[in-house]
Structures are given as structure tokens and as C-alpha cells.
N, C-alpha and C. Protein backbone atom coordinates (compact mmCIF):
# COMPACT_ATOMS: atom_id res chain seq x y z
N MET A 1 0.84 -1.18 0.00
CA MET A 1 0.00 0.00 0.00
C MET A 1 0.89 1.24 0.00
N ILE A 2 0.35 2.30 -0.54
CA ILE A 2 1.04 3.58 -0.56
C ILE A 2 0.21 4.60 0.20
N HIS A 3 0.84 5.31 1.11
CA HIS A 3 0.18 6.36 1.85
C HIS A 3 0.40 7.68 1.12
N GLU A 4 -0.64 8.49 1.00
CA GLU A 4 -0.50 9.79 0.33
C GLU A 4 -0.86 10.92 1.28
N THR A 5 0.00 11.94 1.29
CA THR A 5 -0.21 13.12 2.11
C THR A 5 -0.22 14.35 1.20
N PRO A 6 -1.36 15.06 1.10
CA PRO A 6 -1.36 16.29 0.33
C PRO A 6 -0.59 17.38 1.07
N ILE A 7 0.19 18.15 0.33
CA ILE A 7 0.99 19.22 0.92
C ILE A 7 0.77 20.49 0.12
N HIS A 8 0.43 21.55 0.82
CA HIS A 8 0.25 22.85 0.17
C HIS A 8 1.54 23.64 0.34
N ILE A 9 2.12 24.05 -0.78
CA ILE A 9 3.37 24.80 -0.74
C ILE A 9 3.06 26.26 -0.45
N ARG A 10 3.80 26.81 0.50
CA ARG A 10 3.64 28.21 0.87
C ARG A 10 4.73 29.05 0.22
N TYR A 11 4.44 30.29 0.00
CA TYR A 11 5.44 31.21 -0.55
C TYR A 11 6.70 31.19 0.31
N SER A 12 6.55 31.09 1.62
CA SER A 12 7.71 31.10 2.52
C SER A 12 8.58 29.85 2.38
N ASP A 13 8.11 28.83 1.64
CA ASP A 13 8.90 27.63 1.39
C ASP A 13 9.93 27.85 0.28
N THR A 14 9.88 29.01 -0.37
CA THR A 14 10.69 29.23 -1.56
C THR A 14 11.87 30.15 -1.29
N ASP A 15 12.81 30.13 -2.25
CA ASP A 15 13.95 31.04 -2.19
C ASP A 15 13.67 32.23 -3.11
N LEU A 16 14.65 33.08 -3.31
CA LEU A 16 14.47 34.28 -4.12
C LEU A 16 14.17 33.99 -5.59
N ASN A 17 14.47 32.78 -6.05
CA ASN A 17 14.23 32.40 -7.44
C ASN A 17 12.87 31.73 -7.65
N GLY A 18 12.09 31.61 -6.59
CA GLY A 18 10.79 30.96 -6.71
C GLY A 18 10.86 29.44 -6.63
N HIS A 19 12.05 28.88 -6.29
CA HIS A 19 12.21 27.44 -6.11
C HIS A 19 11.89 27.08 -4.66
N VAL A 20 11.30 25.91 -4.47
CA VAL A 20 11.16 25.41 -3.11
C VAL A 20 12.57 25.16 -2.58
N ASN A 21 12.87 25.71 -1.42
CA ASN A 21 14.19 25.57 -0.81
C ASN A 21 14.48 24.11 -0.51
N ASN A 22 15.72 23.68 -0.75
CA ASN A 22 16.06 22.26 -0.57
C ASN A 22 15.80 21.75 0.84
N ALA A 23 15.98 22.56 1.86
CA ALA A 23 15.76 22.11 3.24
C ALA A 23 14.29 21.83 3.53
N VAL A 24 13.40 22.46 2.77
CA VAL A 24 11.96 22.30 3.01
C VAL A 24 11.50 20.88 2.67
N TYR A 25 12.19 20.22 1.75
CA TYR A 25 11.79 18.85 1.38
C TYR A 25 11.89 17.90 2.57
N ALA A 26 12.87 18.12 3.45
CA ALA A 26 12.97 17.29 4.66
C ALA A 26 11.72 17.47 5.52
N THR A 27 11.20 18.69 5.56
CA THR A 27 9.98 18.96 6.32
C THR A 27 8.78 18.28 5.66
N TYR A 28 8.70 18.34 4.33
CA TYR A 28 7.60 17.66 3.62
C TYR A 28 7.64 16.16 3.89
N MET A 29 8.85 15.58 3.85
CA MET A 29 8.98 14.15 4.12
C MET A 29 8.60 13.83 5.57
N GLU A 30 8.95 14.71 6.48
CA GLU A 30 8.58 14.52 7.88
C GLU A 30 7.06 14.58 8.05
N GLU A 31 6.41 15.55 7.40
CA GLU A 31 4.95 15.63 7.44
C GLU A 31 4.33 14.32 6.96
N SER A 32 4.89 13.78 5.89
CA SER A 32 4.39 12.54 5.33
C SER A 32 4.57 11.37 6.30
N ARG A 33 5.75 11.27 6.93
CA ARG A 33 5.98 10.19 7.90
C ARG A 33 5.03 10.30 9.08
N ILE A 34 4.82 11.51 9.57
CA ILE A 34 3.91 11.70 10.71
C ILE A 34 2.49 11.31 10.33
N SER A 35 2.04 11.76 9.17
CA SER A 35 0.70 11.41 8.69
C SER A 35 0.57 9.90 8.51
N PHE A 36 1.59 9.28 7.95
CA PHE A 36 1.61 7.82 7.76
C PHE A 36 1.45 7.12 9.11
N LEU A 37 2.29 7.50 10.08
CA LEU A 37 2.26 6.85 11.39
C LEU A 37 0.94 7.09 12.12
N GLN A 38 0.35 8.28 11.96
CA GLN A 38 -0.94 8.56 12.59
C GLN A 38 -2.04 7.70 11.99
N GLU A 39 -1.95 7.42 10.69
CA GLU A 39 -2.95 6.58 10.05
C GLU A 39 -2.78 5.11 10.42
N VAL A 40 -1.54 4.64 10.43
CA VAL A 40 -1.27 3.23 10.72
C VAL A 40 -1.44 2.92 12.21
N PHE A 41 -1.09 3.88 13.06
CA PHE A 41 -1.18 3.69 14.51
C PHE A 41 -2.04 4.78 15.14
N PRO A 42 -3.34 4.82 14.83
CA PRO A 42 -4.17 5.91 15.37
C PRO A 42 -4.21 5.88 16.90
N GLY A 43 -3.98 7.05 17.47
CA GLY A 43 -4.03 7.18 18.93
C GLY A 43 -2.84 6.57 19.65
N GLN A 44 -1.84 6.08 18.91
CA GLN A 44 -0.66 5.47 19.52
C GLN A 44 0.58 6.22 19.07
N ARG A 45 1.63 6.11 19.87
CA ARG A 45 2.92 6.71 19.49
C ARG A 45 4.01 5.68 19.69
N LEU A 46 4.68 5.36 18.61
CA LEU A 46 5.85 4.49 18.71
C LEU A 46 7.05 5.36 19.07
N PRO A 47 7.91 4.89 19.97
CA PRO A 47 9.13 5.65 20.26
C PRO A 47 10.13 5.45 19.13
N LEU A 48 10.23 6.44 18.26
CA LEU A 48 11.09 6.34 17.08
C LEU A 48 12.07 7.51 17.05
N VAL A 49 13.26 7.23 16.52
CA VAL A 49 14.24 8.28 16.23
C VAL A 49 14.68 8.09 14.78
N ILE A 50 15.07 9.17 14.15
CA ILE A 50 15.53 9.08 12.77
C ILE A 50 17.03 8.80 12.78
N ALA A 51 17.44 7.83 11.97
CA ALA A 51 18.85 7.45 11.89
C ALA A 51 19.54 8.03 10.66
N SER A 52 18.77 8.17 9.58
CA SER A 52 19.37 8.76 8.38
C SER A 52 18.28 9.34 7.49
N LEU A 53 18.70 10.30 6.67
CA LEU A 53 17.79 10.95 5.73
C LEU A 53 18.58 11.21 4.46
N HIS A 54 18.01 10.81 3.33
CA HIS A 54 18.65 11.01 2.03
C HIS A 54 17.61 11.57 1.07
N ILE A 55 17.98 12.61 0.32
CA ILE A 55 17.04 13.25 -0.61
C ILE A 55 17.70 13.40 -1.97
N ASP A 56 16.96 13.02 -3.03
CA ASP A 56 17.39 13.24 -4.41
C ASP A 56 16.39 14.19 -5.05
N PHE A 57 16.88 15.27 -5.61
CA PHE A 57 16.04 16.25 -6.27
C PHE A 57 15.94 15.88 -7.74
N ARG A 58 14.73 15.71 -8.25
CA ARG A 58 14.53 15.22 -9.62
C ARG A 58 14.15 16.33 -10.60
N GLN A 59 13.28 17.23 -10.19
CA GLN A 59 12.86 18.36 -11.01
C GLN A 59 12.68 19.56 -10.10
N GLU A 60 12.79 20.73 -10.68
CA GLU A 60 12.59 21.90 -9.83
C GLU A 60 11.10 22.03 -9.46
N THR A 61 10.90 22.44 -8.25
CA THR A 61 9.57 22.71 -7.75
C THR A 61 9.47 24.22 -7.61
N ARG A 62 8.58 24.82 -8.38
CA ARG A 62 8.49 26.28 -8.45
C ARG A 62 7.15 26.76 -7.91
N TYR A 63 7.19 27.89 -7.28
CA TYR A 63 5.99 28.55 -6.81
C TYR A 63 5.77 29.77 -7.70
N PRO A 64 4.60 30.00 -8.24
CA PRO A 64 3.31 29.39 -7.92
C PRO A 64 2.89 28.24 -8.86
N GLU A 65 3.78 27.79 -9.75
CA GLU A 65 3.40 26.69 -10.65
C GLU A 65 3.01 25.43 -9.88
N HIS A 66 3.70 25.17 -8.81
CA HIS A 66 3.40 24.00 -7.96
C HIS A 66 2.92 24.51 -6.60
N THR A 67 1.64 24.75 -6.48
CA THR A 67 1.13 25.19 -5.17
C THR A 67 0.70 24.02 -4.30
N ASP A 68 0.44 22.89 -4.94
CA ASP A 68 0.05 21.69 -4.20
C ASP A 68 0.82 20.50 -4.75
N VAL A 69 1.33 19.68 -3.85
CA VAL A 69 2.03 18.46 -4.23
C VAL A 69 1.50 17.33 -3.35
N VAL A 70 1.91 16.12 -3.67
CA VAL A 70 1.51 14.95 -2.89
C VAL A 70 2.77 14.20 -2.50
N ALA A 71 2.86 13.83 -1.24
CA ALA A 71 3.95 12.98 -0.76
C ALA A 71 3.43 11.55 -0.74
N ARG A 72 3.99 10.70 -1.59
CA ARG A 72 3.64 9.28 -1.67
C ARG A 72 4.67 8.52 -0.85
N THR A 73 4.21 7.79 0.17
CA THR A 73 5.13 7.18 1.12
C THR A 73 4.80 5.70 1.34
N TRP A 74 5.84 4.88 1.38
CA TRP A 74 5.71 3.48 1.73
C TRP A 74 7.01 3.02 2.36
N LEU A 75 7.06 1.77 2.77
CA LEU A 75 8.26 1.23 3.39
C LEU A 75 9.00 0.35 2.40
N THR A 76 10.32 0.46 2.38
CA THR A 76 11.12 -0.39 1.50
C THR A 76 11.89 -1.45 2.27
N ARG A 77 11.93 -1.30 3.58
CA ARG A 77 12.62 -2.30 4.41
C ARG A 77 12.02 -2.28 5.80
N LEU A 78 11.83 -3.46 6.34
CA LEU A 78 11.33 -3.60 7.71
C LEU A 78 12.28 -4.55 8.42
N GLY A 79 13.13 -3.99 9.28
CA GLY A 79 14.13 -4.77 10.00
C GLY A 79 13.66 -5.16 11.38
N ARG A 80 14.59 -5.62 12.18
CA ARG A 80 14.27 -6.06 13.54
C ARG A 80 13.88 -4.88 14.42
N SER A 81 14.63 -3.77 14.31
CA SER A 81 14.34 -2.60 15.15
C SER A 81 14.20 -1.31 14.33
N SER A 82 14.37 -1.41 13.03
CA SER A 82 14.29 -0.20 12.20
C SER A 82 13.49 -0.48 10.94
N PHE A 83 13.08 0.59 10.29
CA PHE A 83 12.44 0.45 8.99
C PHE A 83 12.75 1.68 8.16
N GLU A 84 12.65 1.51 6.83
CA GLU A 84 13.00 2.57 5.92
C GLU A 84 11.76 3.06 5.19
N PHE A 85 11.54 4.37 5.29
CA PHE A 85 10.49 5.03 4.53
C PHE A 85 11.07 5.43 3.17
N PHE A 86 10.28 5.27 2.13
CA PHE A 86 10.61 5.84 0.83
C PHE A 86 9.53 6.85 0.52
N CYS A 87 9.91 8.04 0.10
CA CYS A 87 8.94 9.10 -0.14
C CYS A 87 9.21 9.73 -1.50
N GLN A 88 8.15 9.88 -2.27
CA GLN A 88 8.21 10.63 -3.52
C GLN A 88 7.32 11.85 -3.36
N ILE A 89 7.87 13.01 -3.67
CA ILE A 89 7.08 14.24 -3.73
C ILE A 89 6.72 14.41 -5.21
N VAL A 90 5.42 14.39 -5.51
CA VAL A 90 4.98 14.48 -6.90
C VAL A 90 4.03 15.66 -7.07
N SER A 91 4.06 16.22 -8.28
CA SER A 91 3.14 17.31 -8.60
C SER A 91 1.74 16.72 -8.79
N VAL A 92 0.74 17.59 -8.86
CA VAL A 92 -0.62 17.10 -9.08
C VAL A 92 -0.75 16.48 -10.47
N ARG A 93 0.19 16.78 -11.37
CA ARG A 93 0.21 16.15 -12.71
C ARG A 93 0.97 14.83 -12.71
N GLY A 94 1.54 14.45 -11.56
CA GLY A 94 2.24 13.18 -11.45
C GLY A 94 3.74 13.23 -11.71
N GLU A 95 4.32 14.41 -11.89
CA GLU A 95 5.76 14.54 -12.10
C GLU A 95 6.49 14.30 -10.77
N VAL A 96 7.51 13.45 -10.80
CA VAL A 96 8.30 13.22 -9.59
C VAL A 96 9.25 14.40 -9.44
N LEU A 97 9.08 15.13 -8.36
CA LEU A 97 9.87 16.33 -8.10
C LEU A 97 11.08 16.02 -7.21
N CYS A 98 10.89 15.08 -6.32
CA CYS A 98 11.91 14.76 -5.32
C CYS A 98 11.59 13.39 -4.77
N GLU A 99 12.60 12.67 -4.35
CA GLU A 99 12.37 11.40 -3.66
C GLU A 99 13.51 11.15 -2.71
N GLY A 100 13.21 10.37 -1.69
CA GLY A 100 14.24 10.13 -0.71
C GLY A 100 13.86 9.06 0.29
N THR A 101 14.80 8.76 1.15
CA THR A 101 14.57 7.74 2.17
C THR A 101 14.86 8.31 3.55
N ALA A 102 14.20 7.73 4.52
CA ALA A 102 14.45 8.04 5.92
C ALA A 102 14.42 6.72 6.68
N VAL A 103 15.48 6.44 7.40
CA VAL A 103 15.52 5.25 8.25
C VAL A 103 15.17 5.68 9.66
N VAL A 104 14.16 5.03 10.25
CA VAL A 104 13.78 5.30 11.63
C VAL A 104 14.02 4.05 12.47
N VAL A 105 14.35 4.28 13.73
CA VAL A 105 14.69 3.21 14.65
C VAL A 105 13.72 3.23 15.82
N HIS A 106 13.20 2.04 16.15
CA HIS A 106 12.39 1.89 17.36
C HIS A 106 13.36 2.00 18.53
N TYR A 107 13.07 2.88 19.48
CA TYR A 107 14.08 3.29 20.46
C TYR A 107 13.56 3.17 21.88
N ASP A 108 14.42 2.66 22.76
CA ASP A 108 14.13 2.60 24.19
C ASP A 108 14.83 3.81 24.82
N PHE A 109 14.05 4.83 25.17
CA PHE A 109 14.64 6.06 25.68
C PHE A 109 15.24 5.90 27.08
N GLU A 110 14.75 4.94 27.85
CA GLU A 110 15.34 4.71 29.17
C GLU A 110 16.72 4.09 29.06
N LYS A 111 16.85 3.09 28.19
CA LYS A 111 18.14 2.41 28.00
C LYS A 111 19.03 3.14 27.00
N ARG A 112 18.44 4.12 26.26
CA ARG A 112 19.16 4.92 25.28
C ARG A 112 19.78 4.06 24.18
N LYS A 113 18.97 3.10 23.68
CA LYS A 113 19.43 2.26 22.58
C LYS A 113 18.24 1.72 21.81
N SER A 114 18.52 1.16 20.64
CA SER A 114 17.45 0.61 19.82
C SER A 114 16.79 -0.57 20.52
N ALA A 115 15.54 -0.82 20.12
CA ALA A 115 14.78 -1.92 20.71
C ALA A 115 14.01 -2.61 19.59
N PRO A 116 13.81 -3.91 19.70
CA PRO A 116 13.06 -4.62 18.66
C PRO A 116 11.64 -4.06 18.51
N LEU A 117 11.19 -4.02 17.26
CA LEU A 117 9.81 -3.61 17.02
C LEU A 117 8.87 -4.65 17.61
N PRO A 118 7.81 -4.23 18.30
CA PRO A 118 6.84 -5.21 18.80
C PRO A 118 6.14 -5.91 17.63
N ASP A 119 5.74 -7.15 17.82
CA ASP A 119 5.06 -7.91 16.77
C ASP A 119 3.81 -7.21 16.27
N TRP A 120 3.03 -6.59 17.18
CA TRP A 120 1.80 -5.92 16.76
C TRP A 120 2.10 -4.73 15.83
N ALA A 121 3.22 -4.04 16.06
CA ALA A 121 3.60 -2.92 15.19
C ALA A 121 4.07 -3.44 13.84
N ARG A 122 4.86 -4.50 13.85
CA ARG A 122 5.35 -5.11 12.61
C ARG A 122 4.17 -5.54 11.73
N GLU A 123 3.15 -6.14 12.34
CA GLU A 123 1.97 -6.59 11.59
C GLU A 123 1.25 -5.42 10.91
N LYS A 124 1.17 -4.29 11.60
CA LYS A 124 0.52 -3.11 11.01
C LYS A 124 1.34 -2.49 9.89
N LEU A 125 2.66 -2.62 9.96
CA LEU A 125 3.55 -2.02 8.97
C LEU A 125 3.71 -2.89 7.72
N LEU A 126 3.58 -4.19 7.85
CA LEU A 126 3.84 -5.10 6.73
C LEU A 126 3.09 -4.77 5.44
N PRO A 127 1.80 -4.37 5.48
CA PRO A 127 1.11 -4.07 4.22
C PRO A 127 1.72 -2.90 3.43
N TYR A 128 2.55 -2.09 4.07
CA TYR A 128 3.14 -0.92 3.41
C TYR A 128 4.53 -1.20 2.84
N VAL A 129 5.04 -2.41 3.00
CA VAL A 129 6.36 -2.75 2.48
C VAL A 129 6.24 -3.11 1.01
N ARG A 130 7.02 -2.44 0.19
CA ARG A 130 7.06 -2.71 -1.26
C ARG A 130 8.39 -2.25 -1.81
N GLU A 131 8.64 -2.57 -3.05
CA GLU A 131 9.91 -2.18 -3.66
C GLU A 131 9.94 -0.70 -3.97
N ARG A 132 11.12 -0.20 -4.07
CA ARG A 132 11.35 1.21 -4.40
C ARG A 132 11.00 1.46 -5.86
N GLU A 133 10.39 2.60 -6.12
CA GLU A 133 10.09 3.04 -7.49
C GLU A 133 10.84 4.33 -7.72
N GLU A 134 12.07 4.21 -8.20
CA GLU A 134 12.88 5.42 -8.38
C GLU A 134 12.67 6.01 -9.75
N SER A 135 12.72 7.31 -9.79
CA SER A 135 12.63 8.05 -11.03
C SER A 135 14.03 8.43 -11.46
N ASN A 136 14.29 8.40 -12.74
CA ASN A 136 15.59 8.85 -13.24
C ASN A 136 15.51 10.23 -13.83
N VAL A 137 14.38 10.89 -13.70
CA VAL A 137 14.17 12.21 -14.26
C VAL A 137 15.05 13.20 -13.54
N GLY A 138 15.73 14.05 -14.28
CA GLY A 138 16.49 15.14 -13.68
C GLY A 138 17.82 14.75 -13.09
N VAL A 139 18.25 13.51 -13.21
CA VAL A 139 19.52 13.10 -12.61
C VAL A 139 20.57 13.04 -13.68
């Protein structure tokens, strides 16, 4: 399954050239992960920390040409204590603007180390695991 999060681009997300600033994509991906987790685990909070974030820019995202985009998110790996989100930011016309990965770790804050994902959480995440669909546009 693929989770979709609509995102409205604000003028303040852009630089002087009307491009969405590169740092803003990390925020869009974070919004998508939060929305994903709220849908998969309603009313629950998993103790997660981010271990890595990687972003590939595929096409320029310009304001006001792109005022609304969609973050398409799924999992590409489900490990013992971590999982990898894959996120594509696409225009309303379906153009892949940006894509990237974020690895999150299930974390025991008392012991200050990773902890195995509970079986009930793994079961809820499994339907979202699928292969990566990378775009070669703009690279």
C-alpha cells in the first residue's frame, strides 16, 4: 500500500528564485511520515528516532506553478528494530519532483538504545512494504 499526504506549498517555502528551498523537502517528508504513522497507529505513538535521511532532487519545484504536491510514502525495508520510509514528492500532474529515504529506529529512551519492534507494530507495517520506485528524471 502507498500512503498519500497532500501538501500545500507556501510562498515562505521558496527562495528568491521561486524554487522550493532544498531544506523544506525534509519537512515535507517529515509531514508525510507523521501522517503515515498517525494513520497506521491511530491514537498510539511508537518511540522512534531518525537514523538517516537522504534526498534526491529530480525536477525543480516552483511557486506558484506548484502550489500543491503529494507525498507518496511506503516502506522499502522492515528490519528487527528499524524500517526505511521511501517518499516521492509528486506534482498534481504526477511529475516526480523529489524522492528520498528516511531510516527510523524503534528506540528505548530509558536504555538509550534501539529496541526490537513489537510484533503488533510489525503486523501493522507489513502491508506498506514494497519495492522502491525510483525516477531517473532530472539526474
